Structures are given as structure tokens and as C-alpha cells.
Amino acid sequence: MQKHDSREARFIHLVRLGWDLRGLGVRTSLVVPVGGRPVLEIVPTGESRIRITVIRRACGWAFTWRPWWARLWRPGQWIWAEADNAADVIASAVIA
């Protein structure tokens, strides 16, 4: 994948995840800042927003939903973007 395609790939992964989460009844909002990377926000009822990012790793794209300092590839804090159950895993991990 070429460098200029990474922005498009990041956007596509987040849109797909947002659509899948909406199918599970989860409120989402895609945030596309002018000078930054897009993020998908989940808005649980009565709680602060949770930001989902997608990052490129050597083995592929991964969704993360913890702050940058907590993204140490621990279980329960990331999932491969191509996983069929990504929306289910994220919904169960971030929504109580």
C-alpha cells in the first residue's frame, strides 16, 4: 500500500467499523479533523466518549481504543481491523 493510500485505508476501516457498531445498536461518530488522523467515537449512555483509532502495523491494520500510553499490545486493548468480530469485541470491551 502506498503512503498516500494510508489515509484512505484508515478512513475505510473506521467507516466499516462504525457501520458494524451501529448494527449492534452502538452510537458512533466519525471525526475527521483537518490536520490529523480520523477517529471513531463511541458515545456510551452517560459516559465520556471513547475514541477508536486505527494504526498500521507490520502485519496489517489494528483498531485500538485505549490512550496512546496504554497501547502496549495487551489483550483487550486492540484487535486486527480485518477481524470478522472486531465490532463485537470492541463493543464488549468498551461498553459496560
N, C-alpha and C. Protein backbone atom coordinates (compact mmCIF):
# COMPACT_ATOMS: atom_id res chain seq x y z
N MET A 1 0.85 -1.18 0.00
CA MET A 1 0.00 0.00 0.00
C MET A 1 0.89 1.24 0.00
N GLN A 2 0.59 2.18 -0.84
CA GLN A 2 1.39 3.39 -0.93
C GLN A 2 1.05 4.32 0.22
N LYS A 3 1.99 5.25 0.49
CA LYS A 3 1.82 6.16 1.63
C LYS A 3 0.54 6.98 1.53
N HIS A 4 0.24 7.51 0.33
CA HIS A 4 -0.96 8.34 0.22
C HIS A 4 -2.24 7.53 0.38
N ASP A 5 -2.15 6.21 0.24
CA ASP A 5 -3.32 5.36 0.43
C ASP A 5 -3.61 5.09 1.90
N SER A 6 -2.63 5.34 2.78
CA SER A 6 -2.84 5.01 4.19
C SER A 6 -3.96 5.85 4.81
N ARG A 7 -4.09 7.11 4.40
CA ARG A 7 -5.19 7.93 4.92
C ARG A 7 -6.53 7.36 4.49
N GLU A 8 -6.60 6.96 3.22
CA GLU A 8 -7.84 6.39 2.71
C GLU A 8 -8.15 5.05 3.39
N ALA A 9 -7.15 4.21 3.57
CA ALA A 9 -7.36 2.91 4.23
C ALA A 9 -7.82 3.11 5.66
N ARG A 10 -7.22 4.06 6.37
CA ARG A 10 -7.60 4.35 7.76
C ARG A 10 -9.08 4.77 7.80
N PHE A 11 -9.48 5.65 6.91
CA PHE A 11 -10.85 6.12 6.83
C PHE A 11 -11.81 4.96 6.54
N ILE A 12 -11.47 4.12 5.58
CA ILE A 12 -12.33 2.99 5.20
C ILE A 12 -12.51 2.02 6.36
N HIS A 13 -11.44 1.71 7.07
CA HIS A 13 -11.55 0.80 8.21
C HIS A 13 -12.47 1.39 9.28
N LEU A 14 -12.32 2.68 9.57
CA LEU A 14 -13.15 3.30 10.60
C LEU A 14 -14.62 3.38 10.19
N VAL A 15 -14.88 3.68 8.93
CA VAL A 15 -16.26 3.73 8.45
C VAL A 15 -16.91 2.34 8.56
N ARG A 16 -16.18 1.32 8.14
CA ARG A 16 -16.70 -0.05 8.23
C ARG A 16 -16.99 -0.43 9.68
N LEU A 17 -16.07 -0.11 10.57
CA LEU A 17 -16.28 -0.41 11.99
C LEU A 17 -17.49 0.36 12.52
N GLY A 18 -17.59 1.63 12.18
CA GLY A 18 -18.73 2.43 12.62
C GLY A 18 -20.06 1.84 12.16
N TRP A 19 -20.08 1.38 10.94
CA TRP A 19 -21.30 0.77 10.39
C TRP A 19 -21.64 -0.51 11.15
N ASP A 20 -20.61 -1.34 11.40
CA ASP A 20 -20.83 -2.59 12.14
C ASP A 20 -21.30 -2.33 13.58
N LEU A 21 -20.71 -1.33 14.22
CA LEU A 21 -21.12 -0.99 15.58
C LEU A 21 -22.55 -0.45 15.62
N ARG A 22 -22.91 0.36 14.63
CA ARG A 22 -24.29 0.86 14.57
C ARG A 22 -25.27 -0.30 14.44
N GLY A 23 -24.88 -1.34 13.70
CA GLY A 23 -25.70 -2.54 13.57
C GLY A 23 -25.92 -3.24 14.90
N LEU A 24 -25.02 -3.03 15.84
CA LEU A 24 -25.14 -3.60 17.18
C LEU A 24 -25.87 -2.64 18.13
N GLY A 25 -26.30 -1.49 17.62
CA GLY A 25 -27.01 -0.51 18.45
C GLY A 25 -26.11 0.45 19.19
N VAL A 26 -24.86 0.55 18.77
CA VAL A 26 -23.90 1.44 19.43
C VAL A 26 -23.85 2.76 18.68
N ARG A 27 -23.98 3.86 19.43
CA ARG A 27 -23.90 5.20 18.81
C ARG A 27 -22.45 5.51 18.48
N THR A 28 -22.20 5.89 17.25
CA THR A 28 -20.85 6.23 16.82
C THR A 28 -20.85 7.54 16.06
N SER A 29 -19.68 8.13 15.98
CA SER A 29 -19.49 9.35 15.22
C SER A 29 -18.08 9.34 14.65
N LEU A 30 -17.95 9.54 13.35
CA LEU A 30 -16.65 9.60 12.71
C LEU A 30 -16.14 11.04 12.77
N VAL A 31 -14.97 11.23 13.33
CA VAL A 31 -14.37 12.55 13.46
C VAL A 31 -13.20 12.62 12.49
N VAL A 32 -13.28 13.58 11.56
CA VAL A 32 -12.24 13.74 10.56
C VAL A 32 -11.66 15.15 10.71
N PRO A 33 -10.60 15.29 11.53
CA PRO A 33 -10.02 16.61 11.74
C PRO A 33 -9.25 17.09 10.50
N VAL A 34 -9.16 18.38 10.34
CA VAL A 34 -8.45 18.95 9.20
C VAL A 34 -6.98 18.57 9.23
N GLY A 35 -6.36 18.64 10.38
CA GLY A 35 -4.93 18.38 10.46
C GLY A 35 -4.56 17.17 11.27
N GLY A 36 -5.28 16.11 11.16
CA GLY A 36 -4.94 14.92 11.95
C GLY A 36 -5.58 13.68 11.38
N ARG A 37 -5.44 12.61 12.12
CA ARG A 37 -5.99 11.33 11.70
C ARG A 37 -7.44 11.20 12.13
N PRO A 38 -8.25 10.52 11.31
CA PRO A 38 -9.65 10.31 11.70
C PRO A 38 -9.74 9.35 12.88
N VAL A 39 -10.78 9.50 13.67
CA VAL A 39 -11.07 8.60 14.78
C VAL A 39 -12.56 8.31 14.78
N LEU A 40 -12.92 7.20 15.35
CA LEU A 40 -14.32 6.85 15.52
C LEU A 40 -14.65 6.99 16.99
N GLU A 41 -15.64 7.80 17.30
CA GLU A 41 -16.03 7.99 18.69
C GLU A 41 -17.25 7.14 19.00
N ILE A 42 -17.19 6.47 20.12
CA ILE A 42 -18.34 5.73 20.66
C ILE A 42 -18.84 6.54 21.83
N VAL A 43 -20.16 6.73 21.88
CA VAL A 43 -20.75 7.54 22.94
C VAL A 43 -21.67 6.67 23.79
N PRO A 44 -21.09 5.99 24.80
CA PRO A 44 -21.95 5.21 25.70
C PRO A 44 -22.89 6.14 26.49
N THR A 45 -24.03 5.66 26.87
CA THR A 45 -25.01 6.45 27.61
C THR A 45 -24.42 6.93 28.93
N GLY A 46 -24.41 8.24 29.13
CA GLY A 46 -23.98 8.83 30.38
C GLY A 46 -22.49 8.75 30.66
N GLU A 47 -21.68 8.42 29.68
CA GLU A 47 -20.25 8.30 29.90
C GLU A 47 -19.49 9.20 28.93
N SER A 48 -18.20 9.34 29.19
CA SER A 48 -17.38 10.10 28.27
C SER A 48 -17.15 9.30 27.00
N ARG A 49 -16.79 9.98 25.95
CA ARG A 49 -16.59 9.35 24.65
C ARG A 49 -15.34 8.48 24.64
N ILE A 50 -15.42 7.42 23.89
CA ILE A 50 -14.29 6.52 23.70
C ILE A 50 -13.84 6.66 22.26
N ARG A 51 -12.56 6.90 22.07
CA ARG A 51 -12.04 7.11 20.72
C ARG A 51 -11.34 5.85 20.22
N ILE A 52 -11.78 5.39 19.05
CA ILE A 52 -11.18 4.24 18.40
C ILE A 52 -10.26 4.79 17.29
N THR A 53 -9.03 4.33 17.30
CA THR A 53 -8.10 4.70 16.24
C THR A 53 -7.70 3.45 15.48
N VAL A 54 -7.20 3.63 14.30
CA VAL A 54 -6.70 2.50 13.52
C VAL A 54 -5.25 2.83 13.15
N ILE A 55 -4.37 1.88 13.42
CA ILE A 55 -2.95 2.10 13.17
C ILE A 55 -2.40 0.99 12.29
N ARG A 56 -1.40 1.34 11.52
CA ARG A 56 -0.75 0.38 10.62
C ARG A 56 0.38 -0.30 11.37
N ARG A 57 0.36 -1.63 11.38
CA ARG A 57 1.42 -2.43 11.96
C ARG A 57 2.04 -3.27 10.84
N ALA A 58 3.13 -3.92 11.11
CA ALA A 58 3.81 -4.72 10.09
C ALA A 58 2.91 -5.82 9.53
N CYS A 59 2.02 -6.35 10.35
CA CYS A 59 1.15 -7.45 9.93
C CYS A 59 -0.21 -6.99 9.42
N GLY A 60 -0.49 -5.70 9.44
CA GLY A 60 -1.78 -5.19 8.97
C GLY A 60 -2.27 -4.03 9.82
N TRP A 61 -3.54 -3.72 9.69
CA TRP A 61 -4.17 -2.62 10.40
C TRP A 61 -4.80 -3.15 11.69
N ALA A 62 -4.76 -2.32 12.74
CA ALA A 62 -5.34 -2.70 14.03
C ALA A 62 -6.13 -1.55 14.62
N PHE A 63 -7.27 -1.88 15.23
CA PHE A 63 -8.05 -0.90 15.97
C PHE A 63 -7.55 -0.88 17.41
N THR A 64 -7.43 0.30 17.99
CA THR A 64 -7.09 0.45 19.40
C THR A 64 -8.09 1.39 20.04
N TRP A 65 -8.37 1.20 21.31
CA TRP A 65 -9.35 2.04 21.99
C TRP A 65 -8.89 2.49 23.36
N ARG A 66 -7.63 2.47 23.60
CA ARG A 66 -7.07 2.98 24.84
C ARG A 66 -6.17 4.17 24.51
N PRO A 67 -5.88 5.02 25.47
CA PRO A 67 -4.97 6.14 25.21
C PRO A 67 -3.62 5.65 24.71
N TRP A 68 -2.90 6.52 24.05
CA TRP A 68 -1.62 6.13 23.43
C TRP A 68 -0.67 5.49 24.42
N TRP A 69 -0.66 5.94 25.65
CA TRP A 69 0.28 5.41 26.63
C TRP A 69 -0.11 4.02 27.14
N ALA A 70 -1.33 3.58 26.83
CA ALA A 70 -1.78 2.27 27.27
C ALA A 70 -1.78 1.24 26.14
N ARG A 71 -1.40 1.67 24.94
CA ARG A 71 -1.43 0.77 23.78
C ARG A 71 -0.17 -0.08 23.70
N LEU A 72 0.01 -0.93 24.65
CA LEU A 72 1.21 -1.76 24.67
C LEU A 72 0.90 -3.17 24.18
N TRP A 73 -0.09 -3.30 23.35
CA TRP A 73 -0.48 -4.57 22.74
C TRP A 73 -0.88 -5.60 23.79
N ARG A 74 -1.52 -5.12 24.82
CA ARG A 74 -2.06 -6.04 25.82
C ARG A 74 -3.43 -6.53 25.35
N PRO A 75 -3.79 -7.75 25.69
CA PRO A 75 -5.12 -8.24 25.30
C PRO A 75 -6.22 -7.32 25.82
N GLY A 76 -7.26 -7.17 25.04
CA GLY A 76 -8.39 -6.34 25.44
C GLY A 76 -8.24 -4.87 25.11
N GLN A 77 -7.16 -4.50 24.44
CA GLN A 77 -6.95 -3.09 24.10
C GLN A 77 -6.78 -2.86 22.61
N TRP A 78 -6.83 -3.92 21.82
CA TRP A 78 -6.69 -3.80 20.37
C TRP A 78 -7.26 -5.05 19.70
N ILE A 79 -7.55 -4.93 18.39
CA ILE A 79 -7.96 -6.07 17.57
C ILE A 79 -7.61 -5.75 16.13
N TRP A 80 -7.26 -6.77 15.38
CA TRP A 80 -6.96 -6.55 13.96
C TRP A 80 -8.19 -6.01 13.25
N ALA A 81 -7.99 -5.03 12.40
CA ALA A 81 -9.10 -4.38 11.70
C ALA A 81 -9.83 -5.33 10.76
N GLU A 82 -9.14 -6.34 10.25
CA GLU A 82 -9.76 -7.29 9.33
C GLU A 82 -10.53 -8.40 10.04
N ALA A 83 -10.50 -8.44 11.36
CA ALA A 83 -11.20 -9.49 12.10
C ALA A 83 -12.71 -9.38 11.87
N ASP A 84 -13.35 -10.50 11.62
CA ASP A 84 -14.79 -10.51 11.38
C ASP A 84 -15.59 -10.06 12.60
N ASN A 85 -15.04 -10.27 13.78
CA ASN A 85 -15.76 -9.93 15.00
C ASN A 85 -15.24 -8.66 15.68
N ALA A 86 -14.58 -7.79 14.94
CA ALA A 86 -13.99 -6.58 15.52
C ALA A 86 -15.03 -5.74 16.25
N ALA A 87 -16.17 -5.51 15.64
CA ALA A 87 -17.21 -4.69 16.28
C ALA A 87 -17.71 -5.33 17.56
N ASP A 88 -17.90 -6.64 17.56
CA ASP A 88 -18.36 -7.34 18.76
C ASP A 88 -17.34 -7.22 19.90
N VAL A 89 -16.07 -7.43 19.56
CA VAL A 89 -15.01 -7.35 20.57
C VAL A 89 -14.91 -5.95 21.15
N ILE A 90 -14.94 -4.95 20.28
CA ILE A 90 -14.84 -3.56 20.75
C ILE A 90 -16.05 -3.19 21.59
N ALA A 91 -17.24 -3.53 21.13
CA ALA A 91 -18.46 -3.21 21.89
C ALA A 91 -18.41 -3.84 23.28
N SER A 92 -18.01 -5.09 23.38
CA SER A 92 -17.98 -5.74 24.69
C SER A 92 -16.86 -5.19 25.57
N ALA A 93 -15.78 -4.71 24.97
CA ALA A 93 -14.65 -4.19 25.76
C ALA A 93 -14.88 -2.78 26.28
N VAL A 94 -15.59 -1.96 25.53
CA VAL A 94 -15.68 -0.54 25.92
C VAL A 94 -17.05 -0.14 26.47
N ILE A 95 -18.05 -0.97 26.30
CA ILE A 95 -19.38 -0.63 26.80
C ILE A 95 -19.76 -1.57 27.92
N ALA A 96 -19.99 -0.99 29.08
CA ALA A 96 -20.33 -1.81 30.27
C ALA A 96 -21.77 -2.25 30.23
